[in-house]
Amino acid sequence: MKIAFFEITAKEKKLLIKQLKQHELLFFEEALTIDNVSKVKDVNAVSMFIYSELEKAVLVKMPKLKLIATRSTGFDHVDVGYCNKQKITVCNVPYYGENTVAEHTFALILSLSRNVHKSYVRTLQNDFSIDGLIGFDLKGKVMGVVGAGHIGLHVIRIAKGFGMEVKAFDTNQDSFLAEVLDFEYVSFGELLKTADIISLHVPYNKHTHHLINRENIKLIKKGAILINTSRGGVVEIGALIKALDEGIIAGAGLDVLEGEELIREEKQLLYNENNVEALKQLVQDHILLGKDNVVFTPHIGFYSEEALQRILETTISNILNFDQKLPTNVVTS
């Protein structure tokens, strides 16, 4: 097969060449977009990360395409519906970062609970005072986990290690795991009302778009902390800013933002006078990131050496299995 890899590093390139030597490989550091798809119009397979947007307008430019192997768990950046109609197989990497993202979740929680970020900024200014830096213990607090899947369950295990009480909301419940790990399934509304820390671990789709919004954010227990390491669009950014301003939420730890791609590509707005909504989103993002009770990391929850290795190994396996007519990790919707 002729395979194009986008958003690729030199280190990843070496391993791919070694493992896929029987195929013709093309490598690009940038994301796949409508502007550069002409470079790969005759490929049979494409592999990319989350910043490549494989919408219909891009896909139609690759008439020989048979396989899309995204190097991510989420696949909302791929028009899967169109792929299904055109019999293009879409594979993902479903289980690479359960513990990795869960550990990063607690990095964000601890930064907020113990004011690590504020302390660091002070010391850079040669200020070693502790006024206003009093934190709080996690022990005895209620952890609310939205989405008790592979990542969510790791978060629950870690939370129990801190001595926290855990409540979880998920449309698919496993009573056996709840008993073994000692957590309780509750309704979404009860979780919002009772959790001291709310952590989101759901995929992004039409059902989870703005899962936290202007209406239900009012239900959140006053003084709670919100953590999002899933997808930016799960939280309505305007609602989050309002909740922080009004003291409903005491702090937010975010590895993702709604419209986060604009933070990476904001210079493009200078050349698009009609992109009013994008500009509005960018302004909101900057307002949010300027708050001292918000900790933001640039979508690195998955970003560990071990997780990256698992991503690459699974992607290689997905490609080889497809070539043997035994596709694995196929997504359909």
Protein backbone atom coordinates (compact mmCIF):
# COMPACT_ATOMS: atom_id res chain seq x y z
CA MET A 1 0.00 0.00 0.00
CA LYS A 2 0.95 3.62 -0.41
CA ILE A 3 0.56 5.16 3.05
CA ALA A 4 0.80 8.82 4.07
CA PHE A 5 1.62 9.73 7.67
CA PHE A 6 0.79 13.22 8.93
CA GLU A 7 1.74 14.99 12.19
CA ILE A 8 4.75 12.69 12.43
CA THR A 9 8.09 13.08 14.25
CA ALA A 10 11.54 11.92 13.20
CA LYS A 11 11.58 9.30 15.95
CA GLU A 12 8.23 7.87 14.86
CA LYS A 13 9.37 7.87 11.24
CA LYS A 14 12.29 5.53 12.01
CA LEU A 15 10.09 2.91 13.66
CA LEU A 16 7.46 3.08 10.92
CA ILE A 17 10.05 2.58 8.19
CA LYS A 18 11.41 -0.44 10.06
CA GLN A 19 8.03 -2.06 10.70
CA LEU A 20 6.30 -1.24 7.40
CA LYS A 21 9.18 -1.80 4.98
CA GLN A 22 6.96 -3.66 2.49
CA HIS A 23 4.85 -0.53 1.94
CA GLU A 24 5.53 2.80 0.26
CA LEU A 25 5.54 5.47 2.98
CA LEU A 26 5.17 9.24 2.82
CA PHE A 27 5.83 11.45 5.85
CA PHE A 28 4.61 14.96 6.70
CA GLU A 29 5.14 16.99 9.87
CA GLU A 30 2.05 19.08 9.27
CA ALA A 31 -1.60 18.12 9.63
CA LEU A 32 -3.62 16.91 6.63
CA THR A 33 -5.91 19.66 5.34
CA ILE A 34 -7.70 20.70 2.18
CA ASP A 35 -4.64 22.82 1.35
CA ASN A 36 -2.14 19.95 1.20
CA VAL A 37 -4.27 16.92 0.32
CA SER A 38 -3.13 17.22 -3.32
CA LYS A 39 0.25 15.86 -2.18
CA VAL A 40 -1.35 12.52 -1.32
CA LYS A 41 -4.18 12.23 -3.84
CA ASP A 42 -3.16 8.70 -4.87
CA VAL A 43 -2.56 7.09 -1.46
CA ASN A 44 -4.31 3.93 -0.23
CA ALA A 45 -4.03 4.73 3.47
CA VAL A 46 -3.64 7.75 5.74
CA SER A 47 -2.52 7.93 9.35
CA MET A 48 -2.72 11.12 11.36
CA PHE A 49 -3.32 12.64 14.81
CA ILE A 50 -6.19 14.86 16.00
CA TYR A 51 -5.28 18.10 14.24
CA SER A 52 -5.89 16.65 10.77
CA GLU A 53 -9.48 17.26 9.68
CA LEU A 54 -10.65 14.44 7.42
CA GLU A 55 -13.94 15.91 6.32
CA LYS A 56 -15.70 14.97 3.10
CA ALA A 57 -14.07 17.81 1.15
CA VAL A 58 -10.65 16.34 1.96
CA LEU A 59 -11.62 12.70 1.54
CA VAL A 60 -13.01 13.12 -1.96
CA LYS A 61 -9.57 14.27 -3.07
CA MET A 62 -8.17 10.78 -2.32
CA PRO A 63 -10.16 8.43 -4.57
CA LYS A 64 -7.90 5.42 -3.90
CA LEU A 65 -8.19 5.71 -0.10
CA LYS A 66 -9.15 2.47 1.66
CA LEU A 67 -7.85 2.94 5.22
CA ILE A 68 -7.69 5.75 7.77
CA ALA A 69 -5.62 4.88 10.86
CA THR A 70 -5.96 7.70 13.34
CA ARG A 71 -3.35 7.70 16.08
CA SER A 72 -5.89 8.67 18.72
CA THR A 73 -8.81 7.26 20.64
CA GLY A 74 -11.20 9.99 19.55
CA PHE A 75 -12.26 10.08 15.91
CA ASP A 76 -14.47 13.18 15.77
CA HIS A 77 -11.95 14.69 13.29
CA VAL A 78 -12.94 12.04 10.72
CA ASP A 79 -16.19 12.00 8.72
CA VAL A 80 -16.90 8.37 9.62
CA GLY A 81 -20.36 8.47 8.03
CA TYR A 82 -18.90 9.35 4.64
CA CYS A 83 -16.17 6.71 5.09
CA ASN A 84 -18.79 4.04 5.78
CA LYS A 85 -20.64 4.93 2.57
CA GLN A 86 -17.40 4.81 0.56
CA LYS A 87 -16.21 1.59 2.26
CA ILE A 88 -13.17 3.30 3.73
CA THR A 89 -12.12 1.51 6.92
CA VAL A 90 -11.43 3.76 9.91
CA CYS A 91 -9.30 2.41 12.78
CA ASN A 92 -8.36 4.09 16.05
CA VAL A 93 -6.15 3.40 19.07
CA PRO A 94 -8.72 2.68 21.79
CA TYR A 95 -6.51 1.79 24.74
CA TYR A 96 -3.17 3.53 24.89
CA GLY A 97 -3.42 6.13 27.61
CA GLU A 98 -5.75 4.95 30.35
CA ASN A 99 -3.22 5.37 33.13
CA THR A 100 -1.39 8.19 31.30
CA VAL A 101 -4.40 10.50 31.07
CA ALA A 102 -5.55 9.51 34.56
CA GLU A 103 -2.18 10.48 36.02
CA HIS A 104 -2.30 13.81 34.18
CA THR A 105 -5.78 14.36 35.59
CA PHE A 106 -4.33 14.27 39.08
CA ALA A 107 -1.44 16.50 38.06
CA LEU A 108 -4.07 19.14 37.25
CA ILE A 109 -6.04 18.43 40.43
CA LEU A 110 -2.99 18.71 42.69
CA SER A 111 -1.82 21.86 40.97
CA LEU A 112 -5.13 23.47 41.92
CA SER A 113 -5.63 21.86 45.34
CA ARG A 114 -2.14 22.85 46.52
CA ASN A 115 -1.67 26.03 44.45
CA VAL A 116 1.42 24.65 42.75
CA HIS A 117 1.06 26.90 39.71
CA LYS A 118 0.65 30.06 41.80
CA SER A 119 3.61 29.14 43.98
CA TYR A 120 5.82 28.58 40.96
CA VAL A 121 4.98 31.97 39.48
CA ARG A 122 5.73 33.66 42.81
CA THR A 123 9.14 32.04 43.16
CA LEU A 124 10.07 33.20 39.65
CA GLN A 125 9.45 36.72 40.96
CA ASN A 126 11.64 36.06 44.00
CA ASP A 127 8.55 36.05 46.24
CA PHE A 128 8.60 33.20 48.78
CA SER A 129 5.60 34.25 50.87
CA ILE A 130 2.81 31.77 51.53
CA ASP A 131 -0.07 34.22 51.95
CA GLY A 132 -3.07 33.13 49.90
CA LEU A 133 -1.56 29.74 49.04
CA ILE A 134 -3.43 27.59 51.54
CA GLY A 135 -4.65 24.43 49.85
CA PHE A 136 -6.99 21.60 50.72
CA ASP A 137 -6.68 17.84 51.26
CA LEU A 138 -8.06 15.38 48.76
CA LYS A 139 -8.71 12.83 51.49
CA GLY A 140 -12.39 12.75 52.38
CA LYS A 141 -13.46 14.80 49.36
CA VAL A 142 -16.02 13.55 46.82
CA MET A 143 -14.58 12.78 43.38
CA GLY A 144 -17.14 12.87 40.58
CA VAL A 145 -16.07 10.91 37.50
CA VAL A 146 -18.11 11.53 34.35
CA GLY A 147 -17.43 8.58 32.09
CA ALA A 148 -16.29 5.44 33.93
CA GLY A 149 -14.61 3.80 30.95
CA HIS A 150 -10.99 2.73 30.68
CA ILE A 151 -9.56 6.13 31.68
CA GLY A 152 -12.30 6.88 34.19
CA LEU A 153 -11.67 3.62 36.04
CA HIS A 154 -7.98 4.49 36.40
CA VAL A 155 -9.01 7.88 37.80
CA ILE A 156 -11.26 6.09 40.29
CA ARG A 157 -8.43 3.80 41.43
CA ILE A 158 -6.12 6.76 42.01
CA ALA A 159 -8.84 8.71 43.82
CA LYS A 160 -9.41 5.79 46.19
CA GLY A 161 -5.68 5.80 46.89
CA PHE A 162 -6.03 9.39 48.09
CA GLY A 163 -8.84 8.33 50.41
CA MET A 164 -11.57 10.02 48.39
CA GLU A 165 -15.22 9.05 48.09
CA VAL A 166 -16.04 8.42 44.43
CA LYS A 167 -19.27 8.90 42.53
CA ALA A 168 -19.50 8.09 38.84
CA PHE A 169 -21.91 8.75 36.01
CA ASP A 170 -21.95 6.51 32.95
CA THR A 171 -24.64 5.29 30.57
CA ASN A 172 -23.10 1.81 30.83
CA GLN A 173 -22.82 0.63 34.42
CA ASP A 174 -20.83 -2.29 35.82
CA SER A 175 -22.08 -3.12 39.33
CA PHE A 176 -19.29 -5.66 39.83
CA LEU A 177 -16.56 -3.08 39.22
CA ALA A 178 -18.41 -0.57 41.39
CA GLU A 179 -18.31 -3.04 44.27
CA VAL A 180 -14.68 -4.07 43.72
CA LEU A 181 -13.39 -0.50 43.38
CA ASP A 182 -15.78 0.86 46.02
CA PHE A 183 -17.52 3.62 44.09
CA GLU A 184 -21.18 4.55 43.52
CA TYR A 185 -23.04 5.18 40.27
CA VAL A 186 -25.27 8.26 40.47
CA SER A 187 -27.27 10.42 38.10
CA PHE A 188 -25.50 13.23 36.25
CA GLY A 189 -27.44 15.82 38.24
CA GLU A 190 -26.53 14.28 41.60
CA LEU A 191 -22.87 14.12 40.62
CA LEU A 192 -22.83 17.81 39.74
CA LYS A 193 -24.55 18.73 42.99
CA THR A 194 -22.39 16.65 45.34
CA ALA A 195 -18.86 16.31 43.91
CA ASP A 196 -16.01 18.47 45.19
CA ILE A 197 -13.99 17.64 42.10
CA ILE A 198 -15.60 16.80 38.75
CA SER A 199 -13.46 15.08 36.12
CA LEU A 200 -14.64 14.51 32.54
CA HIS A 201 -13.68 11.35 30.62
CA VAL A 202 -16.16 11.04 27.77
CA PRO A 203 -15.71 10.95 23.99
CA TYR A 204 -16.79 13.96 21.97
CA ASN A 205 -19.91 13.46 19.86
CA LYS A 206 -23.36 14.96 19.35
CA HIS A 207 -24.48 13.57 22.71
CA THR A 208 -21.59 15.05 24.71
CA HIS A 209 -21.31 18.41 22.92
CA HIS A 210 -21.54 21.03 25.68
CA LEU A 211 -22.26 18.33 28.25
CA ILE A 212 -21.37 21.04 30.76
CA ASN A 213 -23.35 24.08 29.69
CA ARG A 214 -24.93 27.35 30.90
CA GLU A 215 -27.93 25.54 32.33
CA ASN A 216 -26.46 22.61 34.26
CA ILE A 217 -23.30 24.37 35.37
CA LYS A 218 -25.53 26.16 37.88
CA LEU A 219 -26.11 22.80 39.58
CA ILE A 220 -22.44 22.31 40.43
CA LYS A 221 -21.62 22.37 44.11
CA LYS A 222 -20.33 25.83 45.01
CA GLY A 223 -16.55 25.82 45.28
CA ALA A 224 -16.04 22.63 43.27
CA ILE A 225 -13.20 22.14 40.79
CA LEU A 226 -13.76 21.06 37.18
CA ILE A 227 -11.18 18.98 35.31
CA ASN A 228 -11.35 18.29 31.57
CA THR A 229 -8.87 15.96 29.88
CA SER A 230 -11.32 14.63 27.27
CA ARG A 231 -12.29 17.05 24.48
CA GLY A 232 -12.74 20.81 24.56
CA GLY A 233 -16.24 20.78 23.08
CA VAL A 234 -17.58 18.83 26.05
CA VAL A 235 -17.54 22.09 28.05
CA GLU A 236 -19.20 25.29 26.84
CA ILE A 237 -16.41 27.78 27.34
CA GLY A 238 -18.70 30.77 27.91
CA ALA A 239 -20.51 28.90 30.67
CA LEU A 240 -17.19 28.00 32.32
CA ILE A 241 -15.99 31.61 32.30
CA LYS A 242 -19.29 32.75 33.83
CA ALA A 243 -19.16 30.05 36.52
CA LEU A 244 -15.60 31.04 37.46
CA ASP A 245 -16.50 34.75 37.55
CA GLU A 246 -19.51 34.09 39.77
CA GLY A 247 -17.64 31.76 42.12
CA ILE A 248 -19.74 28.71 41.30
CA ILE A 249 -16.55 26.89 40.38
CA ALA A 250 -13.41 27.55 42.45
CA GLY A 251 -11.02 26.45 39.73
CA ALA A 252 -10.57 24.55 36.50
CA GLY A 253 -7.86 22.20 35.28
CA LEU A 254 -7.96 21.92 31.50
CA ASP A 255 -5.89 19.88 29.10
CA VAL A 256 -8.29 20.77 26.28
CA LEU A 257 -10.28 23.84 25.23
CA GLU A 258 -13.20 24.36 22.94
CA GLY A 259 -11.61 25.77 19.80
CA GLU A 260 -8.11 24.92 21.01
CA GLU A 261 -6.89 24.69 17.41
CA LEU A 262 -7.29 28.49 17.24
CA ILE A 263 -4.64 28.91 19.94
CA ARG A 264 -2.22 27.04 17.65
CA GLU A 265 -3.27 28.78 14.45
CA GLU A 266 -4.51 32.21 15.51
CA LYS A 267 -2.34 34.02 12.92
CA GLN A 268 -4.60 32.56 10.25
CA LEU A 269 -7.41 34.77 11.53
CA LEU A 270 -5.58 37.80 10.17
CA TYR A 271 -6.23 36.53 6.65
CA ASN A 272 -9.89 35.64 7.13
CA GLU A 273 -11.99 38.73 7.79
CA ASN A 274 -15.22 36.71 7.80
CA ASN A 275 -14.18 34.34 10.58
CA VAL A 276 -16.09 36.22 13.30
CA GLU A 277 -17.07 33.12 15.28
CA ALA A 278 -13.49 31.84 15.31
CA LEU A 279 -12.27 35.23 16.56
CA LYS A 280 -14.92 35.25 19.29
CA GLN A 281 -13.80 31.78 20.39
CA LEU A 282 -10.17 32.87 20.50
CA VAL A 283 -10.98 35.87 22.69
CA GLN A 284 -12.89 33.62 25.10
CA ASP A 285 -9.97 31.20 25.26
CA HIS A 286 -7.57 34.01 26.15
CA ILE A 287 -9.92 35.33 28.85
CA LEU A 288 -10.08 31.88 30.39
CA LEU A 289 -6.33 31.24 30.28
CA GLY A 290 -5.66 34.57 31.98
CA LYS A 291 -7.40 33.51 35.22
CA ASP A 292 -5.14 32.49 38.11
CA ASN A 293 -7.56 29.74 39.19
CA VAL A 294 -7.29 28.02 35.81
CA VAL A 295 -4.50 25.57 35.03
CA PHE A 296 -4.10 24.80 31.34
CA THR A 297 -1.85 22.31 29.60
CA PRO A 298 -1.73 22.14 25.78
CA HIS A 299 -3.41 18.77 25.18
CA ILE A 300 -0.58 16.69 26.66
CA GLY A 301 -2.60 14.33 28.84
CA PHE A 302 -1.67 11.48 26.48
CA TYR A 303 1.92 12.66 26.07
CA SER A 304 4.26 10.21 27.77
CA GLU A 305 7.02 8.08 26.25
CA GLU A 306 5.15 4.90 27.08
CA ALA A 307 1.82 6.08 25.69
CA LEU A 308 3.38 7.30 22.44
CA GLN A 309 5.03 3.91 21.99
CA ARG A 310 1.69 2.15 22.53
CA ILE A 311 0.01 4.48 20.02
CA LEU A 312 2.58 3.71 17.34
CA GLU A 313 2.57 -0.04 17.99
CA THR A 314 -1.23 -0.21 17.77
CA THR A 315 -1.28 1.91 14.60
CA ILE A 316 1.28 -0.37 12.94
CA SER A 317 -0.79 -3.38 13.99
CA ASN A 318 -3.95 -1.76 12.58
CA ILE A 319 -2.26 -1.21 9.22
CA LEU A 320 -0.74 -4.70 9.01
CA ASN A 321 -4.01 -6.37 10.03
CA PHE A 322 -5.94 -4.39 7.43
CA ASP A 323 -3.42 -5.44 4.79
CA GLN A 324 -4.08 -9.06 5.78
CA LYS A 325 -7.84 -8.43 5.44
CA LEU A 326 -8.28 -8.80 9.22
CA PRO A 327 -9.00 -5.18 10.28
CA THR A 328 -8.82 -4.38 13.99
CA ASN A 329 -10.04 -1.48 16.15
CA VAL A 330 -12.54 -0.46 13.46
CA VAL A 331 -14.90 2.42 14.28
CA THR A 332 -18.27 2.72 12.57
CA SER A 333 -19.96 5.77 14.07
